[in-house]
Amino acid sequence: MSILKISIRQIKAARSLLGWSQDDLAESSGVSKPTIGRLEAIDSDDPIGGRPETGEALVAALEKAGVEFIPENGGGAGVRLAKRGKKR
């Protein structure tokens, strides 16, 4: 999915699904906590602002942790936890 279509509101929702703080996301993504705080203060459905590599790092960290970003499909964009394989 293109980073340009992921909103900061989706980032916040993904963080919430994982139970992550801004500190957790900062540690996992390599993006500073103040930068995450500034981005999240916007609280918008607009695409992530700032440098493209910042958004890419945030999305990559959340996806690695098991979040799937759902594109706008008539029902609105969103996030969900990826389906996990069966445990044996």
N, C-alpha and C. Protein backbone atom coordinates (compact mmCIF):
# COMPACT_ATOMS: atom_id res chain seq x y z
N MET A 1 0.85 -1.18 0.00
CA MET A 1 0.00 0.00 0.00
C MET A 1 0.89 1.23 0.00
N SER A 2 0.46 2.22 -0.71
CA SER A 2 1.22 3.47 -0.78
C SER A 2 1.16 4.19 0.56
N ILE A 3 2.30 4.66 1.00
CA ILE A 3 2.37 5.42 2.25
C ILE A 3 1.50 6.67 2.16
N LEU A 4 1.30 7.19 0.97
CA LEU A 4 0.54 8.42 0.82
C LEU A 4 -0.93 8.25 1.19
N LYS A 5 -1.43 7.04 1.24
CA LYS A 5 -2.83 6.81 1.53
C LYS A 5 -3.08 6.46 2.99
N ILE A 6 -2.07 6.43 3.81
CA ILE A 6 -2.23 6.09 5.22
C ILE A 6 -2.25 7.38 6.04
N SER A 7 -3.28 7.49 6.87
CA SER A 7 -3.46 8.72 7.65
C SER A 7 -2.86 8.57 9.05
N ILE A 8 -2.65 9.70 9.68
CA ILE A 8 -2.15 9.68 11.05
C ILE A 8 -3.18 9.07 11.98
N ARG A 9 -4.46 9.22 11.65
CA ARG A 9 -5.51 8.59 12.45
C ARG A 9 -5.36 7.05 12.40
N GLN A 10 -4.98 6.52 11.24
CA GLN A 10 -4.73 5.08 11.13
C GLN A 10 -3.50 4.68 11.95
N ILE A 11 -2.48 5.53 11.96
CA ILE A 11 -1.29 5.26 12.76
C ILE A 11 -1.67 5.18 14.23
N LYS A 12 -2.46 6.14 14.69
CA LYS A 12 -2.89 6.15 16.10
C LYS A 12 -3.73 4.93 16.43
N ALA A 13 -4.63 4.55 15.51
CA ALA A 13 -5.47 3.37 15.73
C ALA A 13 -4.62 2.10 15.78
N ALA A 14 -3.63 2.02 14.91
CA ALA A 14 -2.74 0.85 14.89
C ALA A 14 -1.96 0.75 16.19
N ARG A 15 -1.48 1.89 16.66
CA ARG A 15 -0.74 1.92 17.93
C ARG A 15 -1.64 1.44 19.06
N SER A 16 -2.87 1.86 19.05
CA SER A 16 -3.83 1.47 20.08
C SER A 16 -4.12 -0.03 20.03
N LEU A 17 -4.29 -0.58 18.83
CA LEU A 17 -4.54 -2.02 18.70
C LEU A 17 -3.40 -2.85 19.31
N LEU A 18 -2.20 -2.34 19.15
CA LEU A 18 -1.03 -3.06 19.69
C LEU A 18 -0.80 -2.78 21.17
N GLY A 19 -1.49 -1.75 21.70
CA GLY A 19 -1.25 -1.35 23.08
C GLY A 19 0.08 -0.64 23.23
N TRP A 20 0.52 0.00 22.17
CA TRP A 20 1.81 0.69 22.16
C TRP A 20 1.66 2.15 22.56
N SER A 21 2.64 2.64 23.28
CA SER A 21 2.76 4.07 23.57
C SER A 21 3.52 4.73 22.42
N GLN A 22 3.60 6.05 22.47
CA GLN A 22 4.44 6.74 21.49
C GLN A 22 5.89 6.32 21.65
N ASP A 23 6.31 6.06 22.89
CA ASP A 23 7.68 5.59 23.13
C ASP A 23 7.93 4.26 22.44
N ASP A 24 6.96 3.35 22.52
CA ASP A 24 7.11 2.04 21.87
C ASP A 24 7.26 2.20 20.36
N LEU A 25 6.41 3.03 19.77
CA LEU A 25 6.49 3.25 18.33
C LEU A 25 7.81 3.92 17.95
N ALA A 26 8.25 4.86 18.77
CA ALA A 26 9.52 5.53 18.50
C ALA A 26 10.67 4.52 18.52
N GLU A 27 10.67 3.65 19.51
CA GLU A 27 11.74 2.65 19.61
C GLU A 27 11.71 1.68 18.43
N SER A 28 10.53 1.25 18.03
CA SER A 28 10.42 0.27 16.95
C SER A 28 10.66 0.85 15.57
N SER A 29 10.36 2.14 15.41
CA SER A 29 10.46 2.75 14.08
C SER A 29 11.74 3.56 13.86
N GLY A 30 12.38 3.99 14.95
CA GLY A 30 13.53 4.86 14.81
C GLY A 30 13.14 6.32 14.59
N VAL A 31 11.85 6.62 14.71
CA VAL A 31 11.36 8.00 14.60
C VAL A 31 11.26 8.56 16.01
N SER A 32 11.68 9.79 16.22
CA SER A 32 11.69 10.34 17.57
C SER A 32 10.28 10.50 18.12
N LYS A 33 10.17 10.38 19.45
CA LYS A 33 8.88 10.56 20.11
C LYS A 33 8.31 11.96 19.86
N PRO A 34 9.12 13.04 19.92
CA PRO A 34 8.56 14.36 19.62
C PRO A 34 7.97 14.45 18.20
N THR A 35 8.60 13.80 17.24
CA THR A 35 8.07 13.80 15.87
C THR A 35 6.74 13.07 15.82
N ILE A 36 6.66 11.93 16.46
CA ILE A 36 5.40 11.17 16.51
C ILE A 36 4.32 12.02 17.18
N GLY A 37 4.67 12.66 18.27
CA GLY A 37 3.72 13.51 18.98
C GLY A 37 3.21 14.65 18.11
N ARG A 38 4.11 15.28 17.36
CA ARG A 38 3.70 16.38 16.47
C ARG A 38 2.77 15.86 15.37
N LEU A 39 3.10 14.72 14.79
CA LEU A 39 2.25 14.16 13.75
C LEU A 39 0.87 13.79 14.30
N GLU A 40 0.85 13.14 15.46
CA GLU A 40 -0.41 12.69 16.04
C GLU A 40 -1.27 13.85 16.55
N ALA A 41 -0.67 14.97 16.83
CA ALA A 41 -1.43 16.13 17.29
C ALA A 41 -2.36 16.67 16.20
N ILE A 42 -2.06 16.36 14.97
CA ILE A 42 -2.87 16.82 13.84
C ILE A 42 -4.21 16.09 13.81
N ASP A 43 -4.27 14.81 14.16
CA ASP A 43 -5.49 14.00 14.23
C ASP A 43 -6.37 14.21 13.01
N SER A 44 -5.90 13.74 11.89
CA SER A 44 -6.58 13.97 10.62
C SER A 44 -6.66 12.68 9.81
N ASP A 45 -7.60 12.66 8.89
CA ASP A 45 -7.68 11.57 7.93
C ASP A 45 -6.85 11.87 6.69
N ASP A 46 -6.15 13.00 6.71
CA ASP A 46 -5.26 13.33 5.61
C ASP A 46 -4.04 12.41 5.67
N PRO A 47 -3.37 12.23 4.53
CA PRO A 47 -2.14 11.41 4.54
C PRO A 47 -1.11 11.94 5.52
N ILE A 48 -0.25 11.06 5.97
CA ILE A 48 0.83 11.43 6.90
C ILE A 48 1.65 12.55 6.27
N GLY A 49 1.90 13.60 7.04
CA GLY A 49 2.70 14.72 6.56
C GLY A 49 4.17 14.49 6.86
N GLY A 50 4.97 15.47 6.57
CA GLY A 50 6.40 15.39 6.85
C GLY A 50 7.16 14.65 5.78
N ARG A 51 8.35 14.22 6.14
CA ARG A 51 9.22 13.52 5.20
C ARG A 51 8.66 12.13 4.91
N PRO A 52 8.68 11.70 3.65
CA PRO A 52 8.15 10.38 3.30
C PRO A 52 8.80 9.24 4.09
N GLU A 53 10.10 9.35 4.34
CA GLU A 53 10.78 8.26 5.05
C GLU A 53 10.31 8.13 6.50
N THR A 54 9.81 9.21 7.07
CA THR A 54 9.26 9.14 8.43
C THR A 54 7.99 8.29 8.43
N GLY A 55 7.08 8.58 7.53
CA GLY A 55 5.86 7.79 7.41
C GLY A 55 6.15 6.34 7.09
N GLU A 56 7.10 6.12 6.20
CA GLU A 56 7.46 4.75 5.82
C GLU A 56 8.00 3.98 7.02
N ALA A 57 8.80 4.61 7.85
CA ALA A 57 9.35 3.95 9.04
C ALA A 57 8.25 3.61 10.04
N LEU A 58 7.29 4.52 10.22
CA LEU A 58 6.18 4.26 11.14
C LEU A 58 5.33 3.09 10.65
N VAL A 59 4.98 3.12 9.38
CA VAL A 59 4.15 2.05 8.81
C VAL A 59 4.88 0.72 8.87
N ALA A 60 6.16 0.70 8.51
CA ALA A 60 6.93 -0.54 8.52
C ALA A 60 6.99 -1.15 9.92
N ALA A 61 7.19 -0.32 10.94
CA ALA A 61 7.26 -0.84 12.31
C ALA A 61 5.92 -1.42 12.74
N LEU A 62 4.84 -0.75 12.40
CA LEU A 62 3.51 -1.24 12.79
C LEU A 62 3.14 -2.51 12.02
N GLU A 63 3.48 -2.56 10.75
CA GLU A 63 3.22 -3.78 9.97
C GLU A 63 4.05 -4.95 10.48
N LYS A 64 5.28 -4.70 10.84
CA LYS A 64 6.13 -5.76 11.38
C LYS A 64 5.56 -6.31 12.68
N ALA A 65 4.86 -5.46 13.43
CA ALA A 65 4.26 -5.87 14.70
C ALA A 65 2.92 -6.58 14.50
N GLY A 66 2.44 -6.64 13.25
CA GLY A 66 1.23 -7.40 12.97
C GLY A 66 0.01 -6.60 12.59
N VAL A 67 0.17 -5.33 12.26
CA VAL A 67 -0.96 -4.49 11.86
C VAL A 67 -1.10 -4.53 10.34
N GLU A 68 -2.34 -4.59 9.88
CA GLU A 68 -2.64 -4.45 8.45
C GLU A 68 -3.38 -3.13 8.26
N PHE A 69 -2.96 -2.34 7.30
CA PHE A 69 -3.65 -1.11 6.96
C PHE A 69 -4.65 -1.42 5.87
N ILE A 70 -5.90 -1.02 6.09
CA ILE A 70 -7.00 -1.30 5.17
C ILE A 70 -7.26 -0.04 4.36
N PRO A 71 -7.21 -0.15 3.03
CA PRO A 71 -7.42 1.03 2.20
C PRO A 71 -8.88 1.46 2.19
N GLU A 72 -9.10 2.68 1.77
CA GLU A 72 -10.45 3.20 1.56
C GLU A 72 -11.13 2.28 0.54
N ASN A 73 -12.28 1.75 0.90
CA ASN A 73 -12.97 0.82 0.00
C ASN A 73 -14.47 1.07 -0.01
N GLY A 74 -14.85 2.27 0.25
CA GLY A 74 -16.27 2.59 0.33
C GLY A 74 -16.78 2.57 1.76
N GLY A 75 -16.09 1.83 2.62
CA GLY A 75 -16.47 1.77 4.02
C GLY A 75 -15.52 2.55 4.91
N GLY A 76 -14.54 3.16 4.31
CA GLY A 76 -13.57 3.94 5.07
C GLY A 76 -12.28 3.16 5.30
N ALA A 77 -11.20 3.88 5.35
CA ALA A 77 -9.90 3.28 5.62
C ALA A 77 -9.85 2.84 7.08
N GLY A 78 -8.97 1.89 7.39
CA GLY A 78 -8.87 1.43 8.76
C GLY A 78 -7.62 0.62 9.01
N VAL A 79 -7.61 -0.07 10.14
CA VAL A 79 -6.50 -0.95 10.52
C VAL A 79 -7.08 -2.19 11.19
N ARG A 80 -6.33 -3.25 11.16
CA ARG A 80 -6.70 -4.47 11.89
C ARG A 80 -5.43 -5.25 12.19
N LEU A 81 -5.55 -6.16 13.13
CA LEU A 81 -4.43 -7.05 13.40
C LEU A 81 -4.44 -8.16 12.37
N ALA A 82 -3.27 -8.50 11.88
CA ALA A 82 -3.15 -9.55 10.87
C ALA A 82 -3.58 -10.87 11.46
N LYS A 83 -4.15 -11.69 10.62
CA LYS A 83 -4.56 -13.02 11.05
C LYS A 83 -3.30 -13.83 11.35
N ARG A 84 -3.29 -14.41 12.51
CA ARG A 84 -2.14 -15.21 12.93
C ARG A 84 -2.36 -16.66 12.53
N GLY A 85 -1.27 -17.36 12.26
CA GLY A 85 -1.36 -18.79 11.94
C GLY A 85 -1.80 -19.57 13.18
N LYS A 86 -2.32 -20.76 12.96
CA LYS A 86 -2.74 -21.61 14.08
C LYS A 86 -1.54 -22.01 14.92
N LYS A 87 -1.73 -21.98 16.23
CA LYS A 87 -0.69 -22.48 17.12
C LYS A 87 -0.88 -23.98 17.27
N ARG A 88 0.21 -24.69 17.33
CA ARG A 88 0.11 -26.15 17.46
C ARG A 88 0.17 -26.56 18.88
